[in-house]
N, C-alpha and C. Protein backbone atom coordinates (compact mmCIF):
# COMPACT_ATOMS: atom_id res chain seq x y z
N MET A 1 4.47 -3.64 -15.21
CA MET A 1 5.39 -2.80 -14.48
C MET A 1 4.85 -2.46 -13.10
N PHE A 2 3.53 -2.30 -12.97
CA PHE A 2 2.90 -2.01 -11.68
C PHE A 2 1.70 -2.93 -11.49
N ASP A 3 1.42 -3.27 -10.23
CA ASP A 3 0.24 -4.06 -9.89
C ASP A 3 -0.73 -3.19 -9.13
N ASN A 4 -1.98 -3.16 -9.56
CA ASN A 4 -3.04 -2.45 -8.85
C ASN A 4 -3.35 -3.26 -7.59
N THR A 5 -3.13 -2.67 -6.42
CA THR A 5 -3.16 -3.40 -5.16
C THR A 5 -3.96 -2.65 -4.11
N GLY A 6 -4.77 -3.36 -3.35
CA GLY A 6 -5.46 -2.77 -2.22
C GLY A 6 -4.50 -2.68 -1.04
N VAL A 7 -4.50 -1.54 -0.35
CA VAL A 7 -3.62 -1.34 0.80
C VAL A 7 -4.47 -0.89 1.98
N ILE A 8 -4.32 -1.60 3.10
CA ILE A 8 -5.02 -1.27 4.34
C ILE A 8 -3.97 -1.16 5.43
N VAL A 9 -3.99 -0.05 6.18
CA VAL A 9 -3.03 0.16 7.26
C VAL A 9 -3.78 0.60 8.51
N PHE A 10 -3.42 0.01 9.65
CA PHE A 10 -4.00 0.39 10.93
C PHE A 10 -3.03 0.00 12.04
N GLU A 11 -3.23 0.56 13.24
CA GLU A 11 -2.36 0.25 14.37
C GLU A 11 -2.57 -1.19 14.81
N GLY A 12 -1.46 -1.89 15.04
CA GLY A 12 -1.53 -3.27 15.49
C GLY A 12 -0.19 -3.95 15.39
N THR A 13 -0.06 -5.12 16.03
CA THR A 13 1.22 -5.81 16.05
C THR A 13 1.12 -7.32 15.88
N ASP A 14 -0.02 -7.83 15.41
CA ASP A 14 -0.18 -9.28 15.25
C ASP A 14 -0.62 -9.63 13.83
N PRO A 15 0.31 -9.61 12.87
CA PRO A 15 -0.07 -9.87 11.48
C PRO A 15 -0.63 -11.27 11.25
N ASP A 16 -0.18 -12.26 12.02
CA ASP A 16 -0.68 -13.62 11.84
C ASP A 16 -2.17 -13.71 12.15
N HIS A 17 -2.59 -13.05 13.23
CA HIS A 17 -4.01 -13.04 13.60
C HIS A 17 -4.84 -12.34 12.52
N ILE A 18 -4.34 -11.23 12.00
CA ILE A 18 -5.05 -10.48 10.96
C ILE A 18 -5.14 -11.31 9.69
N PHE A 19 -4.06 -11.99 9.34
CA PHE A 19 -4.07 -12.85 8.16
C PHE A 19 -5.15 -13.93 8.29
N GLU A 20 -5.27 -14.50 9.47
CA GLU A 20 -6.28 -15.53 9.73
C GLU A 20 -7.70 -14.97 9.56
N ILE A 21 -7.94 -13.77 10.07
CA ILE A 21 -9.25 -13.12 9.92
C ILE A 21 -9.59 -12.96 8.44
N LEU A 22 -8.63 -12.49 7.66
CA LEU A 22 -8.85 -12.25 6.24
C LEU A 22 -9.04 -13.55 5.46
N LEU A 23 -8.27 -14.57 5.80
CA LEU A 23 -8.44 -15.86 5.13
C LEU A 23 -9.81 -16.46 5.41
N ASN A 24 -10.26 -16.35 6.67
CA ASN A 24 -11.59 -16.88 7.02
C ASN A 24 -12.70 -16.15 6.27
N ALA A 25 -12.46 -14.89 5.91
CA ALA A 25 -13.44 -14.10 5.16
C ALA A 25 -13.25 -14.27 3.65
N GLU A 26 -12.33 -15.14 3.26
CA GLU A 26 -12.04 -15.43 1.85
C GLU A 26 -11.58 -14.19 1.07
N VAL A 27 -10.76 -13.38 1.75
CA VAL A 27 -10.15 -12.22 1.10
C VAL A 27 -8.86 -12.68 0.43
N ASP A 28 -8.65 -12.28 -0.82
CA ASP A 28 -7.44 -12.64 -1.55
C ASP A 28 -6.31 -11.71 -1.10
N VAL A 29 -5.49 -12.21 -0.17
CA VAL A 29 -4.44 -11.41 0.47
C VAL A 29 -3.10 -11.69 -0.20
N ARG A 30 -2.38 -10.64 -0.55
CA ARG A 30 -1.04 -10.80 -1.10
C ARG A 30 0.00 -10.87 0.02
N ASP A 31 -0.18 -10.02 1.07
CA ASP A 31 0.79 -9.99 2.16
C ASP A 31 0.20 -9.25 3.35
N VAL A 32 0.62 -9.64 4.55
CA VAL A 32 0.29 -8.92 5.78
C VAL A 32 1.59 -8.79 6.55
N THR A 33 1.97 -7.55 6.88
CA THR A 33 3.21 -7.31 7.61
C THR A 33 2.96 -6.36 8.77
N GLU A 34 3.93 -6.32 9.68
CA GLU A 34 3.90 -5.35 10.78
C GLU A 34 5.08 -4.41 10.57
N GLU A 35 4.79 -3.11 10.49
CA GLU A 35 5.83 -2.11 10.28
C GLU A 35 5.63 -0.96 11.25
N GLU A 36 6.57 -0.79 12.16
CA GLU A 36 6.57 0.34 13.09
C GLU A 36 5.25 0.48 13.85
N GLY A 37 4.74 -0.64 14.38
CA GLY A 37 3.51 -0.60 15.16
C GLY A 37 2.23 -0.56 14.35
N ASN A 38 2.35 -0.73 13.05
CA ASN A 38 1.18 -0.75 12.16
C ASN A 38 1.11 -2.08 11.43
N ILE A 39 -0.11 -2.55 11.21
CA ILE A 39 -0.34 -3.70 10.34
C ILE A 39 -0.56 -3.15 8.93
N VAL A 40 0.17 -3.69 7.96
CA VAL A 40 0.02 -3.29 6.56
C VAL A 40 -0.44 -4.51 5.78
N ILE A 41 -1.59 -4.36 5.13
CA ILE A 41 -2.19 -5.46 4.38
C ILE A 41 -2.22 -5.08 2.90
N TYR A 42 -1.78 -6.03 2.06
CA TYR A 42 -1.85 -5.87 0.61
C TYR A 42 -2.83 -6.92 0.09
N THR A 43 -3.89 -6.47 -0.60
CA THR A 43 -4.89 -7.38 -1.14
C THR A 43 -4.96 -7.24 -2.65
N GLU A 44 -5.62 -8.19 -3.28
CA GLU A 44 -5.97 -8.00 -4.68
C GLU A 44 -6.88 -6.77 -4.74
N SER A 45 -6.78 -6.00 -5.80
CA SER A 45 -7.55 -4.75 -5.89
C SER A 45 -9.05 -5.00 -5.75
N THR A 46 -9.51 -6.12 -6.25
CA THR A 46 -10.95 -6.43 -6.20
C THR A 46 -11.43 -6.81 -4.81
N ASP A 47 -10.50 -7.08 -3.88
CA ASP A 47 -10.88 -7.50 -2.53
C ASP A 47 -10.61 -6.45 -1.46
N LEU A 48 -10.29 -5.22 -1.86
CA LEU A 48 -10.02 -4.18 -0.87
C LEU A 48 -11.21 -3.97 0.06
N HIS A 49 -12.38 -3.75 -0.50
CA HIS A 49 -13.56 -3.47 0.33
C HIS A 49 -13.99 -4.70 1.13
N LYS A 50 -13.80 -5.87 0.57
CA LYS A 50 -14.10 -7.11 1.29
C LYS A 50 -13.18 -7.25 2.51
N GLY A 51 -11.92 -6.87 2.35
CA GLY A 51 -10.96 -6.91 3.45
C GLY A 51 -11.32 -5.92 4.55
N ILE A 52 -11.71 -4.72 4.16
CA ILE A 52 -12.12 -3.70 5.13
C ILE A 52 -13.34 -4.20 5.90
N ALA A 53 -14.31 -4.77 5.20
CA ALA A 53 -15.52 -5.28 5.85
C ALA A 53 -15.19 -6.40 6.84
N ALA A 54 -14.28 -7.29 6.47
CA ALA A 54 -13.89 -8.39 7.36
C ALA A 54 -13.22 -7.86 8.62
N LEU A 55 -12.38 -6.85 8.48
CA LEU A 55 -11.71 -6.27 9.64
C LEU A 55 -12.71 -5.55 10.54
N LYS A 56 -13.64 -4.82 9.93
CA LYS A 56 -14.67 -4.15 10.73
C LYS A 56 -15.52 -5.16 11.49
N ALA A 57 -15.85 -6.28 10.85
CA ALA A 57 -16.63 -7.33 11.52
C ALA A 57 -15.86 -7.93 12.70
N ALA A 58 -14.52 -7.87 12.63
CA ALA A 58 -13.67 -8.38 13.71
C ALA A 58 -13.39 -7.31 14.77
N GLY A 59 -13.99 -6.12 14.62
CA GLY A 59 -13.85 -5.07 15.62
C GLY A 59 -12.78 -4.03 15.34
N ILE A 60 -12.15 -4.11 14.18
CA ILE A 60 -11.14 -3.11 13.81
C ILE A 60 -11.84 -2.07 12.96
N THR A 61 -11.94 -0.85 13.48
CA THR A 61 -12.74 0.17 12.80
C THR A 61 -11.97 1.43 12.43
N GLU A 62 -10.75 1.58 12.93
CA GLU A 62 -9.97 2.78 12.63
C GLU A 62 -8.79 2.42 11.75
N PHE A 63 -8.75 3.02 10.56
CA PHE A 63 -7.70 2.75 9.58
C PHE A 63 -6.98 4.04 9.24
N SER A 64 -5.67 3.97 9.08
CA SER A 64 -4.93 5.16 8.63
C SER A 64 -4.86 5.20 7.10
N THR A 65 -4.98 4.04 6.45
CA THR A 65 -4.97 3.98 4.99
C THR A 65 -5.91 2.88 4.52
N THR A 66 -6.75 3.20 3.55
CA THR A 66 -7.56 2.21 2.83
C THR A 66 -7.67 2.73 1.41
N GLU A 67 -6.81 2.24 0.53
CA GLU A 67 -6.81 2.76 -0.83
C GLU A 67 -6.23 1.76 -1.82
N LEU A 68 -6.47 2.04 -3.08
CA LEU A 68 -5.84 1.29 -4.15
C LEU A 68 -4.54 2.00 -4.52
N GLU A 69 -3.46 1.24 -4.65
CA GLU A 69 -2.18 1.81 -5.04
C GLU A 69 -1.59 0.98 -6.16
N MET A 70 -0.74 1.62 -6.93
CA MET A 70 0.01 0.92 -7.97
C MET A 70 1.38 0.59 -7.38
N ILE A 71 1.64 -0.69 -7.14
CA ILE A 71 2.88 -1.14 -6.53
C ILE A 71 3.81 -1.64 -7.63
N ALA A 72 5.04 -1.12 -7.63
CA ALA A 72 6.02 -1.51 -8.65
C ALA A 72 6.37 -2.99 -8.54
N GLN A 73 6.43 -3.67 -9.68
CA GLN A 73 6.81 -5.08 -9.70
C GLN A 73 8.31 -5.25 -9.46
N SER A 74 9.08 -4.26 -9.88
CA SER A 74 10.52 -4.27 -9.64
C SER A 74 10.96 -2.82 -9.43
N GLU A 75 12.02 -2.66 -8.66
CA GLU A 75 12.52 -1.31 -8.36
C GLU A 75 13.92 -1.13 -8.92
N ILE A 76 14.27 0.13 -9.13
CA ILE A 76 15.61 0.48 -9.59
C ILE A 76 16.20 1.49 -8.61
N GLU A 77 17.52 1.61 -8.62
CA GLU A 77 18.20 2.63 -7.83
C GLU A 77 18.91 3.56 -8.80
N LEU A 78 18.77 4.85 -8.55
CA LEU A 78 19.38 5.86 -9.41
C LEU A 78 20.65 6.40 -8.77
N SER A 79 21.56 6.86 -9.62
CA SER A 79 22.75 7.54 -9.11
C SER A 79 22.31 8.85 -8.46
N SER A 80 23.16 9.44 -7.66
CA SER A 80 22.78 10.67 -6.95
C SER A 80 22.43 11.79 -7.93
N GLU A 81 23.14 11.86 -9.06
CA GLU A 81 22.85 12.88 -10.06
C GLU A 81 21.48 12.65 -10.70
N ASP A 82 21.22 11.41 -11.11
CA ASP A 82 19.93 11.08 -11.71
C ASP A 82 18.79 11.21 -10.70
N LEU A 83 19.08 10.88 -9.46
CA LEU A 83 18.07 10.96 -8.41
C LEU A 83 17.63 12.41 -8.18
N GLU A 84 18.57 13.32 -8.25
CA GLU A 84 18.25 14.74 -8.08
C GLU A 84 17.31 15.22 -9.20
N VAL A 85 17.60 14.84 -10.42
CA VAL A 85 16.76 15.22 -11.56
C VAL A 85 15.38 14.57 -11.43
N PHE A 86 15.35 13.29 -11.07
CA PHE A 86 14.09 12.58 -10.94
C PHE A 86 13.24 13.16 -9.81
N ALA A 87 13.87 13.50 -8.70
CA ALA A 87 13.14 14.11 -7.57
C ALA A 87 12.50 15.43 -8.00
N GLY A 88 13.21 16.20 -8.82
CA GLY A 88 12.64 17.44 -9.34
C GLY A 88 11.43 17.19 -10.21
N LEU A 89 11.50 16.15 -11.04
CA LEU A 89 10.36 15.78 -11.88
C LEU A 89 9.16 15.37 -11.03
N VAL A 90 9.38 14.53 -10.03
CA VAL A 90 8.30 14.08 -9.15
C VAL A 90 7.68 15.27 -8.42
N ASP A 91 8.52 16.17 -7.91
CA ASP A 91 8.01 17.36 -7.22
C ASP A 91 7.15 18.21 -8.15
N ALA A 92 7.61 18.39 -9.38
CA ALA A 92 6.84 19.19 -10.35
C ALA A 92 5.50 18.53 -10.66
N LEU A 93 5.50 17.22 -10.82
CA LEU A 93 4.24 16.51 -11.08
C LEU A 93 3.29 16.61 -9.89
N GLU A 94 3.82 16.45 -8.68
CA GLU A 94 2.97 16.51 -7.48
C GLU A 94 2.41 17.91 -7.26
N ASP A 95 3.11 18.94 -7.72
CA ASP A 95 2.64 20.32 -7.58
C ASP A 95 1.53 20.66 -8.57
N ASP A 96 1.38 19.87 -9.62
CA ASP A 96 0.34 20.10 -10.62
C ASP A 96 -1.03 19.73 -10.04
N ASP A 97 -1.97 20.66 -10.08
CA ASP A 97 -3.30 20.43 -9.51
C ASP A 97 -4.05 19.30 -10.19
N ASP A 98 -3.71 18.99 -11.43
CA ASP A 98 -4.40 17.93 -12.17
C ASP A 98 -3.87 16.53 -11.84
N VAL A 99 -2.76 16.46 -11.12
CA VAL A 99 -2.15 15.17 -10.77
C VAL A 99 -2.60 14.77 -9.37
N GLN A 100 -3.20 13.58 -9.27
CA GLN A 100 -3.69 13.12 -7.97
C GLN A 100 -2.61 12.38 -7.19
N LYS A 101 -1.84 11.53 -7.85
CA LYS A 101 -0.80 10.77 -7.18
C LYS A 101 0.24 10.35 -8.21
N VAL A 102 1.50 10.31 -7.79
CA VAL A 102 2.60 9.92 -8.67
C VAL A 102 3.14 8.58 -8.19
N TYR A 103 3.18 7.60 -9.08
CA TYR A 103 3.75 6.29 -8.77
C TYR A 103 5.06 6.15 -9.53
N HIS A 104 6.04 5.50 -8.91
CA HIS A 104 7.33 5.28 -9.57
C HIS A 104 7.95 4.00 -9.03
N ASN A 105 9.04 3.58 -9.63
CA ASN A 105 9.72 2.37 -9.19
C ASN A 105 11.15 2.65 -8.73
N VAL A 106 11.41 3.87 -8.28
CA VAL A 106 12.74 4.24 -7.80
C VAL A 106 12.82 3.93 -6.31
N ALA A 107 13.71 3.03 -5.95
CA ALA A 107 13.81 2.56 -4.56
C ALA A 107 14.44 3.59 -3.64
N ASN A 108 15.37 4.38 -4.13
CA ASN A 108 16.11 5.27 -3.24
C ASN A 108 15.60 6.71 -3.27
N LEU A 109 14.32 6.91 -3.56
CA LEU A 109 13.75 8.27 -3.52
C LEU A 109 13.05 8.49 -2.21
């Protein structure tokens, strides 16, 4: 239902160049995209730190995100009524001090 995935985000606009850097470093890359002036890299979970090291070696040292995330394999859309109930559940879970992060597969939340 979810894939454990390395996520690296930093300012940039040339995903092809970044993909080449990572391939040369033999990082197992799932995807490299450009979103709103940021490069977003998805790696195999075991290659997250290897990807960060390759980028640092290439002179990229400031990252806005470097973490493991659970990415949904498929997403669903909820009706507005169900979405309201689900949003309340997510808010309650996020407010719990024992919960670090909430993952879900709802596309329209």
